[in-house]
Amino acid sequence: MTNKKARDVVDALGIRDTDRSITEIKESWARFNKMGKHLDALCKEMGTGALFWLHRELSANFVLNIMNNSGDTFNAAIQHLHDLGLKEKAESYGNLLGDNVRLYMARQFQIDAIRKKQ
């Protein structure tokens, strides 16, 4: 994230524009981006409903510092989740809700971005 983008976020949120607030926005953005990539990889393999089944295990610390989104460790974890039947559970009891939550959130951010431009 560039300083200009960070300043735009600070302006949009009404936060006092300081170097510290810019740094915090950039660090948060990087953290959320990493978490999103890891969770997206999980959802692509298991379905969005898997997040409801795994919510107690997916702490920020785990997602940021332990979880991967590719490689041998990721593949082994996905295979273990397949062996436990998580994909089938997610398909039966959560993907529709997970997909709708994800779509709703994406729409909210898009609407906010459009409003900011007007």
Protein backbone atom coordinates (compact mmCIF):
# COMPACT_ATOMS: atom_id res chain seq x y z
CA MET A 1 0.00 0.00 0.00
CA THR A 2 1.37 3.38 -0.96
CA ASN A 3 1.41 6.39 1.34
CA LYS A 4 -1.21 8.06 -0.89
CA LYS A 5 -3.58 5.08 -0.56
CA ALA A 6 -2.98 5.00 3.19
CA ARG A 7 -3.72 8.73 3.39
CA ASP A 8 -6.94 8.17 1.41
CA VAL A 9 -7.98 5.54 3.96
CA VAL A 10 -7.12 7.89 6.82
CA ASP A 11 -9.19 10.64 5.19
CA ALA A 12 -12.13 8.30 4.52
CA LEU A 13 -12.13 7.10 8.14
CA GLY A 14 -11.76 10.60 9.55
CA ILE A 15 -8.59 9.71 11.45
CA ARG A 16 -6.11 12.43 12.33
CA ASP A 17 -3.50 12.38 9.57
CA THR A 18 -0.14 11.62 11.17
CA ASP A 19 2.85 9.56 10.12
CA ARG A 20 1.91 7.09 12.85
CA SER A 21 -1.64 6.64 11.52
CA ILE A 22 -0.26 6.12 8.00
CA THR A 23 2.17 3.47 9.29
CA GLU A 24 -0.59 1.71 11.25
CA ILE A 25 -2.90 1.63 8.21
CA LYS A 26 -0.13 0.19 6.03
CA GLU A 27 0.76 -2.47 8.63
CA SER A 28 -2.90 -3.41 9.11
CA TRP A 29 -3.41 -3.61 5.35
CA ALA A 30 -0.44 -5.97 4.99
CA ARG A 31 -1.70 -8.13 7.87
CA PHE A 32 -5.26 -8.32 6.47
CA ASN A 33 -3.91 -9.04 2.98
CA LYS A 34 -1.85 -11.98 4.28
CA MET A 35 -4.77 -13.34 6.30
CA GLY A 36 -7.06 -12.99 3.30
CA LYS A 37 -4.72 -14.93 1.03
CA HIS A 38 -4.45 -17.77 3.53
CA LEU A 39 -8.19 -17.95 4.19
CA ASP A 40 -9.00 -17.65 0.48
CA ALA A 41 -6.74 -20.63 -0.29
CA LEU A 42 -8.56 -22.65 2.38
CA CYS A 43 -11.95 -21.63 0.98
CA LYS A 44 -10.93 -22.56 -2.56
CA GLU A 45 -10.09 -26.07 -1.38
CA MET A 46 -12.81 -26.68 1.20
CA GLY A 47 -15.55 -24.11 0.49
CA THR A 48 -16.47 -20.97 2.40
CA GLY A 49 -18.55 -22.99 4.82
CA ALA A 50 -15.35 -24.52 6.20
CA LEU A 51 -14.69 -21.24 8.01
CA PHE A 52 -17.77 -21.82 10.18
CA TRP A 53 -16.51 -25.28 11.14
CA LEU A 54 -12.97 -24.08 11.85
CA HIS A 55 -13.69 -20.72 13.49
CA ARG A 56 -12.21 -21.73 16.85
CA GLU A 57 -8.96 -22.88 15.27
CA LEU A 58 -8.49 -19.89 12.93
CA SER A 59 -7.17 -17.28 15.35
CA ALA A 60 -5.34 -14.28 13.90
CA ASN A 61 -2.08 -15.66 15.30
CA PHE A 62 -2.62 -19.03 13.63
CA VAL A 63 -3.63 -17.57 10.26
CA LEU A 64 -0.77 -15.04 10.23
CA ASN A 65 2.08 -17.05 11.71
CA ILE A 66 1.37 -20.76 11.24
CA MET A 67 -1.02 -21.25 8.34
CA ASN A 68 0.28 -21.37 4.77
CA ASN A 69 -1.57 -20.95 1.50
CA SER A 70 0.56 -23.33 -0.57
CA GLY A 71 3.29 -25.94 -0.32
CA ASP A 72 3.67 -29.34 1.29
CA THR A 73 2.41 -28.30 4.74
CA PHE A 74 -0.70 -26.70 3.23
CA ASN A 75 -1.36 -29.74 1.05
CA ALA A 76 -0.99 -32.09 4.02
CA ALA A 77 -3.38 -29.97 6.09
CA ILE A 78 -5.93 -29.90 3.27
CA GLN A 79 -5.66 -33.68 2.88
CA HIS A 80 -6.23 -34.10 6.62
CA LEU A 81 -9.33 -31.87 6.42
CA HIS A 82 -10.57 -33.92 3.44
CA ASP A 83 -10.03 -37.10 5.45
CA LEU A 84 -12.13 -35.63 8.25
CA GLY A 85 -14.95 -34.92 5.78
CA LEU A 86 -14.83 -31.16 6.20
CA LYS A 87 -15.52 -30.38 2.55
CA GLU A 88 -18.72 -32.41 2.61
CA LYS A 89 -19.82 -30.78 5.87
CA ALA A 90 -19.12 -27.35 4.45
CA GLU A 91 -21.11 -28.16 1.30
CA SER A 92 -24.05 -29.45 3.35
CA TYR A 93 -24.10 -26.90 6.12
CA GLY A 94 -22.30 -23.71 5.32
CA ASN A 95 -21.17 -22.83 1.82
CA LEU A 96 -24.38 -21.03 0.89
CA LEU A 97 -24.18 -18.87 4.01
CA GLY A 98 -20.43 -18.35 3.61
CA ASP A 99 -20.79 -17.35 -0.03
CA ASN A 100 -23.56 -14.90 0.84
CA VAL A 101 -21.55 -13.33 3.67
CA ARG A 102 -18.55 -12.95 1.37
CA LEU A 103 -20.70 -11.41 -1.40
CA TYR A 104 -22.36 -9.03 1.06
CA MET A 105 -19.00 -7.83 2.39
CA ALA A 106 -17.61 -7.34 -1.12
CA ARG A 107 -20.66 -5.29 -2.08
CA GLN A 108 -20.31 -3.11 1.02
CA PHE A 109 -16.71 -2.26 0.23
CA GLN A 110 -17.56 -1.58 -3.41
CA ILE A 111 -20.41 0.73 -2.43
CA ASP A 112 -18.17 2.59 0.02
CA ALA A 113 -15.52 3.00 -2.69
CA ILE A 114 -18.13 4.37 -5.11
CA ARG A 115 -19.47 6.79 -2.49
CA LYS A 116 -15.96 8.06 -1.76
CA LYS A 117 -15.44 8.86 -5.46
CA GLN A 118 -18.67 10.91 -5.71
